[in-house]
Amino acid sequence: MKVKVNNSFSEWFETKTGVRQGNLLSALIFSVMLDSVITKLEVRGNITIRLEQICAYADDIVTTGRTKQILINTFCKLKHEALNAGLIVNNNKTKYVQ
């Protein structure tokens, strides 16, 4: 792993353990990662001018879309970008509302 500080990367180092769940740093790292995932989706603006929208608070994410297909596409993009960042969408906690 490398760490970027002031636009410079550190030397490579191996991590053997992660941050424990419940640690204050854990929530911060998760928020930063989730923000980068959502930013990559380029879903800006509100639902009146966009076909889709994403709203996130802590670890809850709501996606809305004008059509079912747009909603499915947005969710698939979100799931793909999250996976690329090392985050996994829990299918048991995912709800679909029409």
PDB file of N, CA and C in Angstrom:
ATOM      1  N   MET A   1       0.845  -1.158   0.000  1.00  0.00           N
ATOM      2  CA  MET A   1       0.000   0.000   0.000  1.00  0.00           C
ATOM      3  C   MET A   1       0.898   1.230   0.000  1.00  0.00           C
ATOM      4  N   LYS A   2       0.429   2.271  -0.656  1.00  0.00           N
ATOM      5  CA  LYS A   2       1.093   3.570  -0.625  1.00  0.00           C
ATOM      6  C   LYS A   2       0.103   4.591  -0.098  1.00  0.00           C
ATOM      7  N   VAL A   3       0.610   5.628   0.528  1.00  0.00           N
ATOM      8  CA  VAL A   3      -0.216   6.706   1.058  1.00  0.00           C
ATOM      9  C   VAL A   3       0.189   7.990   0.355  1.00  0.00           C
ATOM     10  N   LYS A   4      -0.811   8.779  -0.071  1.00  0.00           N
ATOM     11  CA  LYS A   4      -0.530  10.046  -0.735  1.00  0.00           C
ATOM     12  C   LYS A   4      -0.655  11.179   0.283  1.00  0.00           C
ATOM     13  N   VAL A   5       0.435  11.951   0.422  1.00  0.00           N
ATOM     14  CA  VAL A   5       0.459  13.092   1.334  1.00  0.00           C
ATOM     15  C   VAL A   5       1.063  14.263   0.574  1.00  0.00           C
ATOM     16  N   ASN A   6       0.324  15.379   0.518  1.00  0.00           N
ATOM     17  CA  ASN A   6       0.799  16.582  -0.177  1.00  0.00           C
ATOM     18  C   ASN A   6       1.252  16.281  -1.608  1.00  0.00           C
ATOM     19  N   ASN A   7       0.439  15.541  -2.340  1.00  0.00           N
ATOM     20  CA  ASN A   7       0.684  15.181  -3.742  1.00  0.00           C
ATOM     21  C   ASN A   7       1.906  14.297  -3.964  1.00  0.00           C
ATOM     22  N   SER A   8       2.441  13.691  -2.919  1.00  0.00           N
ATOM     23  CA  SER A   8       3.550  12.751  -3.047  1.00  0.00           C
ATOM     24  C   SER A   8       3.158  11.420  -2.423  1.00  0.00           C
ATOM     25  N   PHE A   9       3.555  10.323  -3.070  1.00  0.00           N
ATOM     26  CA  PHE A   9       3.254   9.001  -2.549  1.00  0.00           C
ATOM     27  C   PHE A   9       4.396   8.520  -1.660  1.00  0.00           C
ATOM     28  N   SER A  10       4.028   7.814  -0.601  1.00  0.00           N
ATOM     29  CA  SER A  10       5.025   7.216   0.288  1.00  0.00           C
ATOM     30  C   SER A  10       5.633   5.985  -0.380  1.00  0.00           C
ATOM     31  N   GLU A  11       6.599   5.419   0.278  1.00  0.00           N
ATOM     32  CA  GLU A  11       7.147   4.144  -0.177  1.00  0.00           C
ATOM     33  C   GLU A  11       6.098   3.058   0.051  1.00  0.00           C
ATOM     34  N   TRP A  12       6.189   1.978  -0.707  1.00  0.00           N
ATOM     35  CA  TRP A  12       5.261   0.851  -0.566  1.00  0.00           C
ATOM     36  C   TRP A  12       5.453   0.195   0.797  1.00  0.00           C
ATOM     37  N   PHE A  13       4.348  -0.142   1.466  1.00  0.00           N
ATOM     38  CA  PHE A  13       4.411  -0.897   2.715  1.00  0.00           C
ATOM     39  C   PHE A  13       3.240  -1.857   2.757  1.00  0.00           C
ATOM     40  N   GLU A  14       3.407  -2.940   3.492  1.00  0.00           N
ATOM     41  CA  GLU A  14       2.378  -3.974   3.572  1.00  0.00           C
ATOM     42  C   GLU A  14       1.535  -3.744   4.821  1.00  0.00           C
ATOM     43  N   THR A  15       0.220  -3.891   4.661  1.00  0.00           N
ATOM     44  CA  THR A  15      -0.663  -3.804   5.818  1.00  0.00           C
ATOM     45  C   THR A  15      -1.037  -5.216   6.230  1.00  0.00           C
ATOM     46  N   LYS A  16      -0.994  -5.481   7.515  1.00  0.00           N
ATOM     47  CA  LYS A  16      -1.295  -6.830   8.012  1.00  0.00           C
ATOM     48  C   LYS A  16      -2.655  -6.876   8.690  1.00  0.00           C
ATOM     49  N   THR A  17      -3.118  -5.751   9.206  1.00  0.00           N
ATOM     50  CA  THR A  17      -4.442  -5.690   9.815  1.00  0.00           C
ATOM     51  C   THR A  17      -5.096  -4.384   9.401  1.00  0.00           C
ATOM     52  N   GLY A  18      -6.403  -4.363   9.447  1.00  0.00           N
ATOM     53  CA  GLY A  18      -7.144  -3.156   9.108  1.00  0.00           C
ATOM     54  C   GLY A  18      -7.533  -2.386  10.361  1.00  0.00           C
ATOM     55  N   VAL A  19      -8.358  -1.394  10.167  1.00  0.00           N
ATOM     56  CA  VAL A  19      -8.873  -0.602  11.284  1.00  0.00           C
ATOM     57  C   VAL A  19     -10.077  -1.337  11.843  1.00  0.00           C
ATOM     58  N   ARG A  20     -10.144  -1.471  13.133  1.00  0.00           N
ATOM     59  CA  ARG A  20     -11.268  -2.177  13.750  1.00  0.00           C
ATOM     60  C   ARG A  20     -12.565  -1.410  13.565  1.00  0.00           C
ATOM     61  N   GLN A  21     -13.650  -2.158  13.350  1.00  0.00           N
ATOM     62  CA  GLN A  21     -14.961  -1.533  13.227  1.00  0.00           C
ATOM     63  C   GLN A  21     -15.294  -0.871  14.561  1.00  0.00           C
ATOM     64  N   GLY A  22     -15.812   0.334  14.504  1.00  0.00           N
ATOM     65  CA  GLY A  22     -16.111   1.088  15.711  1.00  0.00           C
ATOM     66  C   GLY A  22     -15.036   2.101  16.046  1.00  0.00           C
ATOM     67  N   ASN A  23     -13.851   1.939  15.472  1.00  0.00           N
ATOM     68  CA  ASN A  23     -12.774   2.903  15.667  1.00  0.00           C
ATOM     69  C   ASN A  23     -13.157   4.192  14.941  1.00  0.00           C
ATOM     70  N   LEU A  24     -12.822   5.334  15.501  1.00  0.00           N
ATOM     71  CA  LEU A  24     -13.164   6.612  14.878  1.00  0.00           C
ATOM     72  C   LEU A  24     -12.559   6.743  13.481  1.00  0.00           C
ATOM     73  N   LEU A  25     -11.370   6.233  13.291  1.00  0.00           N
ATOM     74  CA  LEU A  25     -10.713   6.307  11.995  1.00  0.00           C
ATOM     75  C   LEU A  25     -11.458   5.469  10.952  1.00  0.00           C
ATOM     76  N   SER A  26     -12.100   4.394  11.387  1.00  0.00           N
ATOM     77  CA  SER A  26     -12.853   3.528  10.481  1.00  0.00           C
ATOM     78  C   SER A  26     -13.968   4.299   9.774  1.00  0.00           C
ATOM     79  N   ALA A  27     -14.725   5.078  10.522  1.00  0.00           N
ATOM     80  CA  ALA A  27     -15.822   5.861   9.941  1.00  0.00           C
ATOM     81  C   ALA A  27     -15.299   6.914   8.972  1.00  0.00           C
ATOM     82  N   LEU A  28     -14.186   7.543   9.306  1.00  0.00           N
ATOM     83  CA  LEU A  28     -13.602   8.561   8.441  1.00  0.00           C
ATOM     84  C   LEU A  28     -13.129   7.947   7.118  1.00  0.00           C
ATOM     85  N   ILE A  29     -12.423   6.841   7.195  1.00  0.00           N
ATOM     86  CA  ILE A  29     -11.931   6.183   5.986  1.00  0.00           C
ATOM     87  C   ILE A  29     -13.090   5.731   5.118  1.00  0.00           C
ATOM     88  N   PHE A  30     -14.125   5.153   5.734  1.00  0.00           N
ATOM     89  CA  PHE A  30     -15.299   4.721   4.981  1.00  0.00           C
ATOM     90  C   PHE A  30     -15.952   5.906   4.277  1.00  0.00           C
ATOM     91  N   SER A  31     -16.113   7.018   4.971  1.00  0.00           N
ATOM     92  CA  SER A  31     -16.750   8.201   4.379  1.00  0.00           C
ATOM     93  C   SER A  31     -15.956   8.736   3.195  1.00  0.00           C
ATOM     94  N   VAL A  32     -14.635   8.766   3.324  1.00  0.00           N
ATOM     95  CA  VAL A  32     -13.781   9.248   2.237  1.00  0.00           C
ATOM     96  C   VAL A  32     -13.907   8.323   1.024  1.00  0.00           C
ATOM     97  N   MET A  33     -13.892   7.025   1.253  1.00  0.00           N
ATOM     98  CA  MET A  33     -13.996   6.061   0.156  1.00  0.00           C
ATOM     99  C   MET A  33     -15.366   6.160  -0.518  1.00  0.00           C
ATOM    100  N   LEU A  34     -16.428   6.246   0.277  1.00  0.00           N
ATOM    101  CA  LEU A  34     -17.767   6.335  -0.289  1.00  0.00           C
ATOM    102  C   LEU A  34     -17.947   7.620  -1.081  1.00  0.00           C
ATOM    103  N   ASP A  35     -17.385   8.713  -0.590  1.00  0.00           N
ATOM    104  CA  ASP A  35     -17.457   9.981  -1.313  1.00  0.00           C
ATOM    105  C   ASP A  35     -16.767   9.868  -2.670  1.00  0.00           C
ATOM    106  N   SER A  36     -15.629   9.208  -2.715  1.00  0.00           N
ATOM    107  CA  SER A  36     -14.930   9.060  -3.997  1.00  0.00           C
ATOM    108  C   SER A  36     -15.714   8.181  -4.959  1.00  0.00           C
ATOM    109  N   VAL A  37     -16.386   7.169  -4.445  1.00  0.00           N
ATOM    110  CA  VAL A  37     -17.214   6.295  -5.292  1.00  0.00           C
ATOM    111  C   VAL A  37     -18.358   7.100  -5.896  1.00  0.00           C
ATOM    112  N   ILE A  38     -19.060   7.857  -5.081  1.00  0.00           N
ATOM    113  CA  ILE A  38     -20.214   8.629  -5.553  1.00  0.00           C
ATOM    114  C   ILE A  38     -19.774   9.728  -6.517  1.00  0.00           C
ATOM    115  N   THR A  39     -18.634  10.346  -6.246  1.00  0.00           N
ATOM    116  CA  THR A  39     -18.111  11.388  -7.136  1.00  0.00           C
ATOM    117  C   THR A  39     -17.824  10.831  -8.528  1.00  0.00           C
ATOM    118  N   LYS A  40     -17.297   9.611  -8.606  1.00  0.00           N
ATOM    119  CA  LYS A  40     -16.991   8.994  -9.892  1.00  0.00           C
ATOM    120  C   LYS A  40     -18.242   8.738 -10.728  1.00  0.00           C
ATOM    121  N   LEU A  41     -19.405   8.644 -10.091  1.00  0.00           N
ATOM    122  CA  LEU A  41     -20.650   8.400 -10.826  1.00  0.00           C
ATOM    123  C   LEU A  41     -21.137   9.643 -11.561  1.00  0.00           C
ATOM    124  N   GLU A  42     -20.608  10.813 -11.190  1.00  0.00           N
ATOM    125  CA  GLU A  42     -20.969  12.081 -11.822  1.00  0.00           C
ATOM    126  C   GLU A  42     -22.478  12.311 -11.853  1.00  0.00           C
ATOM    127  N   VAL A  43     -23.110  12.137 -10.709  1.00  0.00           N
ATOM    128  CA  VAL A  43     -24.542  12.373 -10.576  1.00  0.00           C
ATOM    129  C   VAL A  43     -24.698  13.646  -9.762  1.00  0.00           C
ATOM    130  N   ARG A  44     -24.743  14.784 -10.461  1.00  0.00           N
ATOM    131  CA  ARG A  44     -24.861  16.079  -9.802  1.00  0.00           C
ATOM    132  C   ARG A  44     -26.194  16.721 -10.187  1.00  0.00           C
ATOM    133  N   GLY A  45     -26.620  17.653  -9.389  1.00  0.00           N
ATOM    134  CA  GLY A  45     -27.878  18.331  -9.669  1.00  0.00           C
ATOM    135  C   GLY A  45     -29.016  17.665  -8.920  1.00  0.00           C
ATOM    136  N   ASN A  46     -30.226  18.103  -9.186  1.00  0.00           N
ATOM    137  CA  ASN A  46     -31.364  17.485  -8.508  1.00  0.00           C
ATOM    138  C   ASN A  46     -32.237  16.751  -9.519  1.00  0.00           C
ATOM    139  N   ILE A  47     -33.220  16.060  -9.040  1.00  0.00           N
ATOM    140  CA  ILE A  47     -34.012  15.157  -9.871  1.00  0.00           C
ATOM    141  C   ILE A  47     -34.814  15.911 -10.941  1.00  0.00           C
ATOM    142  N   THR A  48     -34.997  17.226 -10.783  1.00  0.00           N
ATOM    143  CA  THR A  48     -35.735  17.971 -11.803  1.00  0.00           C
ATOM    144  C   THR A  48     -34.922  18.169 -13.077  1.00  0.00           C
ATOM    145  N   ILE A  49     -33.584  18.135 -12.959  1.00  0.00           N
ATOM    146  CA  ILE A  49     -32.751  18.316 -14.154  1.00  0.00           C
ATOM    147  C   ILE A  49     -31.924  17.080 -14.488  1.00  0.00           C
ATOM    148  N   ARG A  50     -31.968  16.057 -13.651  1.00  0.00           N
ATOM    149  CA  ARG A  50     -31.220  14.822 -13.869  1.00  0.00           C
ATOM    150  C   ARG A  50     -32.185  13.658 -13.995  1.00  0.00           C
ATOM    151  N   LEU A  51     -31.762  12.625 -14.698  1.00  0.00           N
ATOM    152  CA  LEU A  51     -32.569  11.419 -14.784  1.00  0.00           C
ATOM    153  C   LEU A  51     -32.387  10.537 -13.556  1.00  0.00           C
ATOM    154  N   GLU A  52     -31.244  10.700 -12.880  1.00  0.00           N
ATOM    155  CA  GLU A  52     -30.977   9.915 -11.684  1.00  0.00           C
ATOM    156  C   GLU A  52     -30.362  10.793 -10.611  1.00  0.00           C
ATOM    157  N   GLN A  53     -30.433  10.317  -9.367  1.00  0.00           N
ATOM    158  CA  GLN A  53     -29.870  11.070  -8.256  1.00  0.00           C
ATOM    159  C   GLN A  53     -29.452  10.089  -7.168  1.00  0.00           C
ATOM    160  N   ILE A  54     -28.400  10.433  -6.441  1.00  0.00           N
ATOM    161  CA  ILE A  54     -27.934   9.623  -5.322  1.00  0.00           C
ATOM    162  C   ILE A  54     -27.849  10.513  -4.093  1.00  0.00           C
ATOM    163  N   CYS A  55     -28.372  10.010  -2.992  1.00  0.00           N
ATOM    164  CA  CYS A  55     -28.299  10.715  -1.718  1.00  0.00           C
ATOM    165  C   CYS A  55     -27.664   9.748  -0.712  1.00  0.00           C
ATOM    166  N   ALA A  56     -26.613  10.182  -0.037  1.00  0.00           N
ATOM    167  CA  ALA A  56     -25.924   9.308   0.922  1.00  0.00           C
ATOM    168  C   ALA A  56     -25.819  10.005   2.265  1.00  0.00           C
ATOM    169  N   TYR A  57     -26.043   9.243   3.316  1.00  0.00           N
ATOM    170  CA  TYR A  57     -25.859   9.721   4.683  1.00  0.00           C
ATOM    171  C   TYR A  57     -25.264   8.566   5.488  1.00  0.00           C
ATOM    172  N   ALA A  58     -24.069   8.776   6.022  1.00  0.00           N
ATOM    173  CA  ALA A  58     -23.334   7.724   6.747  1.00  0.00           C
ATOM    174  C   ALA A  58     -23.175   6.525   5.820  1.00  0.00           C
ATOM    175  N   ASP A  59     -23.734   5.375   6.174  1.00  0.00           N
ATOM    176  CA  ASP A  59     -23.589   4.202   5.309  1.00  0.00           C
ATOM    177  C   ASP A  59     -24.890   3.856   4.586  1.00  0.00           C
ATOM    178  N   ASP A  60     -25.837   4.781   4.566  1.00  0.00           N
ATOM    179  CA  ASP A  60     -27.098   4.577   3.845  1.00  0.00           C
ATOM    180  C   ASP A  60     -27.064   5.361   2.543  1.00  0.00           C
ATOM    181  N   ILE A  61     -27.474   4.715   1.453  1.00  0.00           N
ATOM    182  CA  ILE A  61     -27.479   5.345   0.138  1.00  0.00           C
ATOM    183  C   ILE A  61     -28.853   5.148  -0.488  1.00  0.00           C
ATOM    184  N   VAL A  62     -29.399   6.222  -1.032  1.00  0.00           N
ATOM    185  CA  VAL A  62     -30.671   6.156  -1.744  1.00  0.00           C
ATOM    186  C   VAL A  62     -30.408   6.579  -3.182  1.00  0.00           C
ATOM    187  N   THR A  63     -30.817   5.753  -4.126  1.00  0.00           N
ATOM    188  CA  THR A  63     -30.733   6.130  -5.535  1.00  0.00           C
ATOM    189  C   THR A  63     -32.147   6.305  -6.045  1.00  0.00           C
ATOM    190  N   THR A  64     -32.364   7.341  -6.834  1.00  0.00           N
ATOM    191  CA  THR A  64     -33.665   7.568  -7.452  1.00  0.00           C
ATOM    192  C   THR A  64     -33.463   7.747  -8.944  1.00  0.00           C
ATOM    193  N   GLY A  65     -34.486   7.406  -9.698  1.00  0.00           N
ATOM    194  CA  GLY A  65     -34.418   7.557 -11.139  1.00  0.00           C
ATOM    195  C   GLY A  65     -35.797   7.749 -11.721  1.00  0.00           C
ATOM    196  N   ARG A  66     -35.839   8.379 -12.875  1.00  0.00           N
ATOM    197  CA  ARG A  66     -37.134   8.644 -13.503  1.00  0.00           C
ATOM    198  C   ARG A  66     -37.775   7.398 -14.090  1.00  0.00           C
ATOM    199  N   THR A  67     -36.935   6.413 -14.452  1.00  0.00           N
ATOM    200  CA  THR A  67     -37.472   5.144 -14.960  1.00  0.00           C
ATOM    201  C   THR A  67     -36.801   4.001 -14.218  1.00  0.00           C
ATOM    202  N   LYS A  68     -37.421   2.833 -14.297  1.00  0.00           N
ATOM    203  CA  LYS A  68     -36.867   1.652 -13.655  1.00  0.00           C
ATOM    204  C   LYS A  68     -35.498   1.311 -14.246  1.00  0.00           C
ATOM    205  N   GLN A  69     -35.348   1.428 -15.563  1.00  0.00           N
ATOM    206  CA  GLN A  69     -34.081   1.087 -16.203  1.00  0.00           C
ATOM    207  C   GLN A  69     -32.963   2.041 -15.783  1.00  0.00           C
ATOM    208  N   ILE A  70     -33.270   3.325 -15.650  1.00  0.00           N
ATOM    209  CA  ILE A  70     -32.266   4.289 -15.191  1.00  0.00           C
ATOM    210  C   ILE A  70     -31.846   3.967 -13.764  1.00  0.00           C
ATOM    211  N   LEU A  71     -32.798   3.582 -12.932  1.00  0.00           N
ATOM    212  CA  LEU A  71     -32.502   3.209 -11.553  1.00  0.00           C
ATOM    213  C   LEU A  71     -31.602   1.973 -11.502  1.00  0.00           C
ATOM    214  N   ILE A  72     -31.904   0.983 -12.316  1.00  0.00           N
ATOM    215  CA  ILE A  72     -31.080  -0.235 -12.376  1.00  0.00           C
ATOM    216  C   ILE A  72     -29.670   0.108 -12.847  1.00  0.00           C
ATOM    217  N   ASN A  73     -29.565   0.931 -13.894  1.00  0.00           N
ATOM    218  CA  ASN A  73     -28.249   1.320 -14.413  1.00  0.00           C
ATOM    219  C   ASN A  73     -27.432   2.076 -13.366  1.00  0.00           C
ATOM    220  N   THR A  74     -28.071   2.992 -12.653  1.00  0.00           N
ATOM    221  CA  THR A  74     -27.384   3.777 -11.628  1.00  0.00           C
ATOM    222  C   THR A  74     -26.900   2.872 -10.502  1.00  0.00           C
ATOM    223  N   PHE A  75     -27.753   1.939 -10.085  1.00  0.00           N
ATOM    224  CA  PHE A  75     -27.372   1.025  -9.018  1.00  0.00           C
ATOM    225  C   PHE A  75     -26.207   0.133  -9.457  1.00  0.00           C
ATOM    226  N   CYS A  76     -26.249  -0.347 -10.683  1.00  0.00           N
ATOM    227  CA  CYS A  76     -25.156  -1.192 -11.192  1.00  0.00           C
ATOM    228  C   CYS A  76     -23.842  -0.421 -11.261  1.00  0.00           C
ATOM    229  N   LYS A  77     -23.905   0.850 -11.688  1.00  0.00           N
ATOM    230  CA  LYS A  77     -22.695   1.681 -11.712  1.00  0.00           C
ATOM    231  C   LYS A  77     -22.171   1.895 -10.290  1.00  0.00           C
ATOM    232  N   LEU A  78     -23.078   2.158  -9.355  1.00  0.00           N
ATOM    233  CA  LEU A  78     -22.695   2.351  -7.958  1.00  0.00           C
ATOM    234  C   LEU A  78     -22.030   1.093  -7.407  1.00  0.00           C
ATOM    235  N   LYS A  79     -22.634  -0.049  -7.663  1.00  0.00           N
ATOM    236  CA  LYS A  79     -22.098  -1.323  -7.168  1.00  0.00           C
ATOM    237  C   LYS A  79     -20.720  -1.598  -7.778  1.00  0.00           C
ATOM    238  N   HIS A  80     -20.554  -1.321  -9.064  1.00  0.00           N
ATOM    239  CA  HIS A  80     -19.285  -1.539  -9.749  1.00  0.00           C
ATOM    240  C   HIS A  80     -18.191  -0.630  -9.197  1.00  0.00           C
ATOM    241  N   GLU A  81     -18.487   0.657  -9.044  1.00  0.00           N
ATOM    242  CA  GLU A  81     -17.491   1.597  -8.518  1.00  0.00           C
ATOM    243  C   GLU A  81     -17.147   1.275  -7.064  1.00  0.00           C
ATOM    244  N   ALA A  82     -18.138   0.860  -6.293  1.00  0.00           N
ATOM    245  CA  ALA A  82     -17.885   0.479  -4.898  1.00  0.00           C
ATOM    246  C   ALA A  82     -16.953  -0.725  -4.839  1.00  0.00           C
ATOM    247  N   LEU A  83     -17.191  -1.702  -5.683  1.00  0.00           N
ATOM    248  CA  LEU A  83     -16.346  -2.892  -5.721  1.00  0.00           C
ATOM    249  C   LEU A  83     -14.914  -2.539  -6.111  1.00  0.00           C
ATOM    250  N   ASN A  84     -14.759  -1.621  -7.074  1.00  0.00           N
ATOM    251  CA  ASN A  84     -13.420  -1.162  -7.467  1.00  0.00           C
ATOM    252  C   ASN A  84     -12.684  -0.500  -6.305  1.00  0.00           C
ATOM    253  N   ALA A  85     -13.437   0.108  -5.387  1.00  0.00           N
ATOM    254  CA  ALA A  85     -12.838   0.778  -4.230  1.00  0.00           C
ATOM    255  C   ALA A  85     -12.673  -0.166  -3.034  1.00  0.00           C
ATOM    256  N   GLY A  86     -13.106  -1.418  -3.201  1.00  0.00           N
ATOM    257  CA  GLY A  86     -12.986  -2.385  -2.107  1.00  0.00           C
ATOM    258  C   GLY A  86     -14.189  -2.405  -1.185  1.00  0.00           C
ATOM    259  N   LEU A  87     -15.272  -1.754  -1.580  1.00  0.00           N
ATOM    260  CA  LEU A  87     -16.504  -1.750  -0.793  1.00  0.00           C
ATOM    261  C   LEU A  87     -17.492  -2.735  -1.401  1.00  0.00           C
ATOM    262  N   ILE A  88     -18.268  -3.396  -0.574  1.00  0.00           N
ATOM    263  CA  ILE A  88     -19.228  -4.394  -1.050  1.00  0.00           C
ATOM    264  C   ILE A  88     -20.635  -3.972  -0.642  1.00  0.00           C
ATOM    265  N   VAL A  89     -21.557  -4.001  -1.596  1.00  0.00           N
ATOM    266  CA  VAL A  89     -22.962  -3.708  -1.314  1.00  0.00           C
ATOM    267  C   VAL A  89     -23.582  -4.961  -0.700  1.00  0.00           C
ATOM    268  N   ASN A  90     -24.188  -4.803   0.453  1.00  0.00           N
ATOM    269  CA  ASN A  90     -24.831  -5.928   1.137  1.00  0.00           C
ATOM    270  C   ASN A  90     -26.211  -6.149   0.527  1.00  0.00           C
ATOM    271  N   ASN A  91     -26.359  -7.218  -0.257  1.00  0.00           N
ATOM    272  CA  ASN A  91     -27.642  -7.498  -0.911  1.00  0.00           C
ATOM    273  C   ASN A  91     -28.756  -7.779   0.071  1.00  0.00           C
ATOM    274  N   ASN A  92     -28.423  -8.288   1.272  1.00  0.00           N
ATOM    275  CA  ASN A  92     -29.457  -8.573   2.284  1.00  0.00           C
ATOM    276  C   ASN A  92     -30.056  -7.305   2.872  1.00  0.00           C
ATOM    277  N   LYS A  93     -29.343  -6.194   2.757  1.00  0.00           N
ATOM    278  CA  LYS A  93     -29.846  -4.924   3.293  1.00  0.00           C
ATOM    279  C   LYS A  93     -30.332  -3.982   2.192  1.00  0.00           C
ATOM    280  N   THR A  94     -30.324  -4.458   0.943  1.00  0.00           N
ATOM    281  CA  THR A  94     -30.742  -3.634  -0.183  1.00  0.00           C
ATOM    282  C   THR A  94     -32.242  -3.750  -0.374  1.00  0.00           C
ATOM    283  N   LYS A  95     -32.911  -2.616  -0.505  1.00  0.00           N
ATOM    284  CA  LYS A  95     -34.365  -2.579  -0.697  1.00  0.00           C
ATOM    285  C   LYS A  95     -34.678  -1.894  -2.005  1.00  0.00           C
ATOM    286  N   TYR A  96     -35.674  -2.378  -2.721  1.00  0.00           N
ATOM    287  CA  TYR A  96     -36.128  -1.798  -3.973  1.00  0.00           C
ATOM    288  C   TYR A  96     -37.580  -1.354  -3.788  1.00  0.00           C
ATOM    289  N   VAL A  97     -37.868  -0.121  -4.143  1.00  0.00           N
ATOM    290  CA  VAL A  97     -39.228   0.420  -4.023  1.00  0.00           C
ATOM    291  C   VAL A  97     -39.630   0.992  -5.362  1.00  0.00           C
ATOM    292  N   GLN A  98     -40.825   0.640  -5.820  1.00  0.00           N
ATOM    293  CA  GLN A  98     -41.333   1.199  -7.083  1.00  0.00           C
ATOM    294  C   GLN A  98     -42.481   2.133  -6.829  1.00  0.00           C
TER     295      GLN A  98
END
